[in-house]
Amino acid sequence: MHAKVSPGTVLDLRQSELIQHVARCAPHEGLHATTLPSLSVIRFDACSLQLPSVYDPCLCFVVQGRKQALLADEVYVYDPLHYLVVSMTLPVMGKIIEASPERPYLCIRIGIDVKMLAELLLQAGPSVALARIADRALYIARTGEALLDAIVRLMRLIDHPRDAAVLTPLVLREIHYRVLLGELGHRLRELCRVDSQTQRIARAIEMLRTRYAEAVSIDDLARVAHMSTSSLHHRFKEVTAMSPVQYQKHLRLHEARRLMLSEGLEAASAAHRVGYESPSQFSREYRRLFGAPPKREIEAVRSV
């Protein structure tokens, strides 16, 4: 007669297995691609400063440690019990708040497939497709046992390439389905509704993302989104926690910082590249967002 395993023990075993899988795929710090499509893993061996990043639509599952995401002035903390959902492209400040060489921060990132979500909604029927007005395009939800089990099975496929070719799409489909059924799945459902307000805001975000260095007016965005300027401004702020002007500014500053760090551009050149005409304005806004003028902040990051 087999001894009954408690739900808590099962979750601990799943978590322990995930830690082993991710640690093997990420032997050193940084973001690591895997052999599976849309799946990457992240490792950090120490707590970090507040670092900027532009998050594309994704699911982030922490398997060890904790991370804090800052969207405008709102703080989101996620850990092995909670996962992060980003349903639209967002400029975010991230900070590792629990990590050490002995117990590094480990995270699994899965790209969100909106087409797959829409197919699942059609297949699942009206009980899942009931729409509610979405709030933020970033949120934290609790990781349930069924979802955790699917993630474990996905990670196992990395070691079995022949099985992975057939089973990866099925397991990714299950993960998307579990998230749709989750406590805050309605926020993703709204994104799949044809011509919903959330989908219209997504079109405005895409315009800003691809044309961040250009002068894009609120009227231009309203036309793309097929909304009045007042409705666009209101819903945009509900979804992103910032106005369209603030959103574009954040995208510009994040990209300028990347150019200075990865391509070695001087502050004035980076500012011009992302659409700033005034270096002094760029410096003021950079300091306001990142806490120090461009040159000093970049030097501080490089010295760490």
Protein backbone atom coordinates (compact mmCIF):
# COMPACT_ATOMS: atom_id res chain seq x y z
CA MET A 1 0.00 0.00 0.00
CA HIS A 2 1.46 3.35 -1.09
CA ALA A 3 1.79 6.16 1.41
CA LYS A 4 -0.28 9.21 0.51
CA VAL A 5 1.81 12.25 -0.41
CA SER A 6 0.46 15.58 0.83
CA PRO A 7 -0.18 18.41 -1.68
CA GLY A 8 2.48 20.53 0.02
CA THR A 9 5.07 17.78 -0.43
CA VAL A 10 4.16 17.40 -4.12
CA LEU A 11 4.65 21.13 -4.69
CA ASP A 12 8.00 21.02 -2.89
CA LEU A 13 9.14 18.12 -5.07
CA ARG A 14 8.06 19.93 -8.25
CA GLN A 15 9.86 23.07 -7.09
CA SER A 16 13.02 21.12 -6.30
CA GLU A 17 12.99 19.50 -9.74
CA LEU A 18 12.54 22.88 -11.43
CA ILE A 19 15.51 24.30 -9.53
CA GLN A 20 17.70 21.49 -10.88
CA HIS A 21 16.48 21.98 -14.47
CA VAL A 22 16.95 25.77 -14.47
CA ALA A 23 20.34 25.63 -12.72
CA ARG A 24 21.58 23.23 -15.39
CA CYS A 25 20.27 25.43 -18.24
CA ALA A 26 21.72 28.58 -16.61
CA PRO A 27 25.21 27.67 -15.31
CA HIS A 28 26.13 31.36 -14.94
CA GLU A 29 24.39 34.70 -14.50
CA GLY A 30 22.20 36.22 -17.19
CA LEU A 31 19.43 35.34 -19.64
CA HIS A 32 19.83 31.98 -21.39
CA ALA A 33 17.90 30.69 -24.40
CA THR A 34 16.88 27.03 -24.40
CA THR A 35 16.30 24.51 -27.16
CA LEU A 36 12.53 24.98 -26.76
CA PRO A 37 10.77 27.81 -28.64
CA SER A 38 9.76 30.88 -26.59
CA LEU A 39 11.36 29.44 -23.43
CA SER A 40 14.34 31.08 -21.70
CA VAL A 41 15.78 30.92 -18.19
CA ILE A 42 17.39 33.57 -15.99
CA ARG A 43 19.95 33.35 -13.22
CA PHE A 44 21.42 35.90 -10.79
CA ASP A 45 23.77 35.01 -7.94
CA ALA A 46 23.22 38.18 -5.89
CA CYS A 47 20.64 40.86 -5.22
CA SER A 48 20.73 43.63 -7.81
CA LEU A 49 20.26 47.34 -8.16
CA GLN A 50 17.02 48.58 -9.70
CA LEU A 51 17.61 47.89 -13.39
CA PRO A 52 15.45 48.99 -16.33
CA SER A 53 14.07 46.57 -18.88
CA VAL A 54 11.41 46.51 -21.57
CA TYR A 55 9.23 43.45 -21.02
CA ASP A 56 7.55 41.91 -24.06
CA PRO A 57 4.39 39.83 -23.44
CA CYS A 58 5.50 36.89 -21.31
CA LEU A 59 4.95 34.66 -18.29
CA CYS A 60 7.68 34.70 -15.62
CA PHE A 61 7.88 31.85 -13.13
CA VAL A 62 10.38 32.26 -10.28
CA VAL A 63 11.63 28.90 -9.06
CA GLN A 64 14.07 30.24 -6.45
CA GLY A 65 14.60 33.68 -4.91
CA ARG A 66 12.43 36.77 -5.31
CA LYS A 67 12.18 39.70 -7.70
CA GLN A 68 10.49 43.08 -7.58
CA ALA A 69 9.08 44.79 -10.67
CA LEU A 70 8.30 48.50 -10.63
CA LEU A 71 5.76 49.83 -13.16
CA ALA A 72 5.61 53.61 -12.83
CA ASP A 73 5.07 53.88 -9.03
CA GLU A 74 3.50 50.44 -8.53
CA VAL A 75 5.48 47.58 -6.97
CA TYR A 76 4.98 43.89 -7.85
CA VAL A 77 6.85 41.12 -6.01
CA TYR A 78 6.92 37.57 -7.34
CA ASP A 79 8.44 34.41 -5.91
CA PRO A 80 8.08 30.60 -6.24
CA LEU A 81 4.45 30.85 -5.15
CA HIS A 82 3.48 33.57 -7.63
CA TYR A 83 4.09 34.21 -11.31
CA LEU A 84 4.22 37.44 -13.29
CA VAL A 85 2.11 38.03 -16.39
CA VAL A 86 3.00 40.80 -18.85
CA SER A 87 0.28 41.03 -21.49
CA MET A 88 1.66 44.03 -23.43
CA THR A 89 5.09 45.56 -24.01
CA LEU A 90 5.99 47.59 -20.91
CA PRO A 91 9.04 49.54 -19.71
CA VAL A 92 9.67 48.21 -16.20
CA MET A 93 12.29 48.62 -13.47
CA GLY A 94 13.34 45.24 -12.06
CA LYS A 95 15.26 44.37 -8.91
CA ILE A 96 16.41 41.00 -7.55
CA ILE A 97 15.62 41.12 -3.83
CA GLU A 98 16.54 37.56 -2.77
CA ALA A 99 19.55 35.74 -4.22
CA SER A 100 22.95 34.38 -3.20
CA PRO A 101 25.68 32.18 -4.76
CA GLU A 102 24.38 29.27 -2.67
CA ARG A 103 20.73 29.95 -3.58
CA PRO A 104 20.71 31.96 -6.83
CA TYR A 105 17.67 33.68 -8.24
CA LEU A 106 16.27 31.33 -10.92
CA CYS A 107 13.40 32.16 -13.25
CA ILE A 108 11.62 30.65 -16.27
CA ARG A 109 10.31 33.02 -18.95
CA ILE A 110 7.74 31.90 -21.54
CA GLY A 111 6.62 34.16 -24.38
CA ILE A 112 2.86 34.70 -24.59
CA ASP A 113 1.27 33.50 -27.84
CA VAL A 114 -1.84 35.66 -28.36
CA LYS A 115 -2.96 33.56 -31.33
CA MET A 116 -2.86 30.45 -29.13
CA LEU A 117 -4.87 32.23 -26.44
CA ALA A 118 -7.55 33.16 -28.98
CA GLU A 119 -7.77 29.56 -30.22
CA LEU A 120 -8.11 28.31 -26.64
CA LEU A 121 -10.93 30.76 -25.94
CA LEU A 122 -12.84 29.55 -28.98
CA GLN A 123 -12.29 25.91 -28.03
CA ALA A 124 -13.14 26.34 -24.35
CA GLY A 125 -16.41 28.13 -25.05
CA PRO A 126 -18.29 30.99 -23.39
CA SER A 127 -17.59 29.94 -19.79
CA VAL A 128 -13.95 30.92 -20.26
CA ALA A 129 -14.54 33.72 -22.75
CA LEU A 130 -16.64 35.85 -20.42
CA ALA A 131 -15.06 39.29 -20.71
CA ARG A 132 -14.28 41.81 -18.04
CA ILE A 133 -12.56 45.12 -18.48
CA ALA A 134 -8.84 44.54 -18.04
CA ASP A 135 -6.76 46.47 -15.54
CA ARG A 136 -2.97 46.64 -15.69
CA ALA A 137 -1.07 44.85 -18.46
CA LEU A 138 1.19 43.48 -15.70
CA TYR A 139 -0.02 41.44 -12.73
CA ILE A 140 0.89 38.75 -10.23
CA ALA A 141 -1.12 35.53 -9.86
CA ARG A 142 -0.75 32.50 -7.62
CA THR A 143 0.92 29.40 -9.11
CA GLY A 144 -1.45 26.44 -8.78
CA GLU A 145 -0.49 22.76 -8.74
CA ALA A 146 -1.78 22.01 -12.26
CA LEU A 147 0.13 24.95 -13.76
CA LEU A 148 3.31 24.04 -11.88
CA ASP A 149 3.03 20.44 -13.10
CA ALA A 150 2.79 21.63 -16.72
CA ILE A 151 5.89 23.80 -16.31
CA VAL A 152 7.84 20.85 -14.89
CA ARG A 153 6.84 18.71 -17.88
CA LEU A 154 7.94 21.48 -20.24
CA MET A 155 11.37 21.72 -18.62
CA ARG A 156 11.79 17.92 -18.77
CA LEU A 157 11.43 18.07 -22.56
CA ILE A 158 14.74 19.96 -22.85
CA ASP A 159 16.50 16.63 -22.16
CA HIS A 160 14.39 14.74 -24.73
CA PRO A 161 14.69 16.44 -28.14
CA ARG A 162 12.69 13.81 -30.03
CA ASP A 163 9.75 14.08 -27.64
CA ALA A 164 10.12 17.86 -27.50
CA ALA A 165 9.46 18.26 -31.22
CA VAL A 166 5.98 16.76 -30.76
CA LEU A 167 5.05 17.57 -27.16
CA THR A 168 6.34 21.14 -26.64
CA PRO A 169 3.43 22.80 -28.52
CA LEU A 170 0.97 20.70 -26.50
CA VAL A 171 2.50 21.59 -23.13
CA LEU A 172 2.79 25.28 -24.04
CA ARG A 173 -0.87 25.15 -25.00
CA GLU A 174 -1.73 23.67 -21.60
CA ILE A 175 0.28 26.38 -19.80
CA HIS A 176 -1.57 29.12 -21.70
CA TYR A 177 -4.86 27.39 -20.87
CA ARG A 178 -4.04 27.16 -17.14
CA VAL A 179 -3.17 30.87 -17.06
CA LEU A 180 -6.44 31.72 -18.84
CA LEU A 181 -8.30 29.76 -16.15
CA GLY A 182 -6.33 31.42 -13.36
CA GLU A 183 -7.60 33.99 -10.92
CA LEU A 184 -6.68 36.90 -13.20
CA GLY A 185 -7.01 35.18 -16.56
CA HIS A 186 -9.71 37.65 -17.64
CA ARG A 187 -6.97 40.20 -18.32
CA LEU A 188 -5.56 37.98 -21.06
CA ARG A 189 -9.01 37.08 -22.37
CA GLU A 190 -9.78 40.73 -23.01
CA LEU A 191 -6.64 40.98 -25.15
CA CYS A 192 -8.07 38.31 -27.48
CA ARG A 193 -11.46 39.93 -28.04
CA VAL A 194 -11.64 41.36 -31.54
CA ASP A 195 -11.52 45.17 -31.40
CA SER A 196 -11.82 45.28 -27.61
CA GLN A 197 -10.53 48.40 -25.87
CA THR A 198 -7.56 46.40 -24.59
CA GLN A 199 -6.72 45.27 -28.12
CA ARG A 200 -6.99 48.88 -29.31
CA ILE A 201 -4.57 50.00 -26.61
CA ALA A 202 -2.25 47.20 -27.73
CA ARG A 203 -2.23 48.75 -31.22
CA ALA A 204 -1.33 52.15 -29.77
CA ILE A 205 1.47 50.55 -27.72
CA GLU A 206 2.82 48.81 -30.82
CA MET A 207 2.92 52.16 -32.64
CA LEU A 208 4.86 53.76 -29.80
CA ARG A 209 7.18 50.77 -29.54
CA THR A 210 8.13 50.83 -33.22
CA ARG A 211 8.23 54.64 -33.53
CA TYR A 212 9.53 55.65 -30.10
CA ALA A 213 12.15 58.03 -31.58
CA GLU A 214 9.57 59.95 -33.62
CA ALA A 215 7.16 62.69 -32.61
CA VAL A 216 3.92 60.72 -32.21
CA SER A 217 0.91 62.77 -31.14
CA ILE A 218 -2.05 61.62 -29.08
CA ASP A 219 -4.18 62.24 -32.19
CA ASP A 220 -2.00 59.79 -34.18
CA LEU A 221 -2.42 57.15 -31.48
CA ALA A 222 -6.17 57.74 -31.27
CA ARG A 223 -6.53 57.19 -35.02
CA VAL A 224 -4.58 53.92 -34.89
CA ALA A 225 -6.60 52.73 -31.90
CA HIS A 226 -9.94 53.95 -33.32
CA MET A 227 -10.70 55.74 -30.05
CA SER A 228 -11.34 59.31 -29.01
CA THR A 229 -8.28 61.06 -27.55
CA SER A 230 -9.89 61.26 -24.11
CA SER A 231 -10.84 57.55 -24.09
CA LEU A 232 -7.39 56.56 -25.32
CA HIS A 233 -5.63 58.59 -22.65
CA HIS A 234 -7.86 57.18 -19.89
CA ARG A 235 -7.61 53.52 -20.94
CA PHE A 236 -3.90 53.76 -21.76
CA LYS A 237 -3.16 54.90 -18.23
CA GLU A 238 -5.37 52.17 -16.76
CA VAL A 239 -3.42 49.51 -18.67
CA THR A 240 0.16 50.84 -18.38
CA ALA A 241 0.03 53.04 -15.23
CA MET A 242 1.35 55.95 -17.32
CA SER A 243 0.20 58.34 -20.02
CA PRO A 244 1.19 57.78 -23.69
CA VAL A 245 3.73 60.63 -23.40
CA GLN A 246 5.28 59.10 -20.26
CA TYR A 247 5.31 55.65 -21.90
CA GLN A 248 7.18 56.93 -24.96
CA LYS A 249 9.61 58.82 -22.71
CA HIS A 250 10.35 55.65 -20.74
CA LEU A 251 10.93 53.67 -23.96
CA ARG A 252 13.34 56.35 -25.18
CA LEU A 253 15.29 56.45 -21.92
CA HIS A 254 15.49 52.66 -21.67
CA GLU A 255 16.82 52.43 -25.23
CA ALA A 256 19.31 55.27 -24.69
CA ARG A 257 20.64 53.48 -21.63
CA ARG A 258 21.01 50.26 -23.62
CA LEU A 259 22.92 52.11 -26.36
CA MET A 260 25.33 53.61 -23.82
CA LEU A 261 25.90 50.29 -22.05
CA SER A 262 26.08 47.87 -24.98
CA GLU A 263 27.31 50.06 -27.84
CA GLY A 264 29.41 52.56 -25.89
CA LEU A 265 27.62 55.67 -27.17
CA GLU A 266 28.15 58.99 -25.42
CA ALA A 267 25.09 60.48 -23.71
CA ALA A 268 24.57 63.17 -26.39
CA SER A 269 24.71 60.63 -29.23
CA ALA A 270 22.35 58.22 -27.44
CA ALA A 271 19.94 61.06 -26.71
CA HIS A 272 19.87 62.10 -30.36
CA ARG A 273 19.45 58.49 -31.53
CA VAL A 274 16.28 58.04 -29.46
CA GLY A 275 14.69 61.32 -30.46
CA TYR A 276 15.84 63.95 -27.96
CA GLU A 277 16.74 67.34 -29.43
CA SER A 278 17.95 68.81 -26.12
CA PRO A 279 20.82 67.03 -24.29
CA SER A 280 20.00 68.94 -21.10
CA GLN A 281 16.38 67.76 -21.19
CA PHE A 282 17.59 64.21 -21.80
CA SER A 283 19.94 64.44 -18.81
CA ARG A 284 17.17 65.79 -16.52
CA GLU A 285 14.68 63.10 -17.51
CA TYR A 286 17.31 60.35 -17.34
CA ARG A 287 18.25 61.37 -13.82
CA ARG A 288 14.60 61.51 -12.80
CA LEU A 289 14.00 57.91 -13.98
CA PHE A 290 17.32 56.23 -13.14
CA GLY A 291 18.43 58.27 -10.13
CA ALA A 292 21.64 59.78 -11.57
CA PRO A 293 22.84 61.65 -14.69
CA PRO A 294 23.65 59.39 -17.68
CA LYS A 295 27.45 59.33 -17.41
CA ARG A 296 27.51 58.74 -13.65
CA GLU A 297 24.79 56.07 -13.74
CA ILE A 298 26.45 54.14 -16.57
CA GLU A 299 29.84 54.29 -14.82
CA ALA A 300 28.24 53.00 -11.61
CA VAL A 301 26.67 50.05 -13.43
CA ARG A 302 29.94 49.17 -15.17
CA SER A 303 31.85 49.27 -11.89
CA VAL A 304 29.61 46.71 -10.20
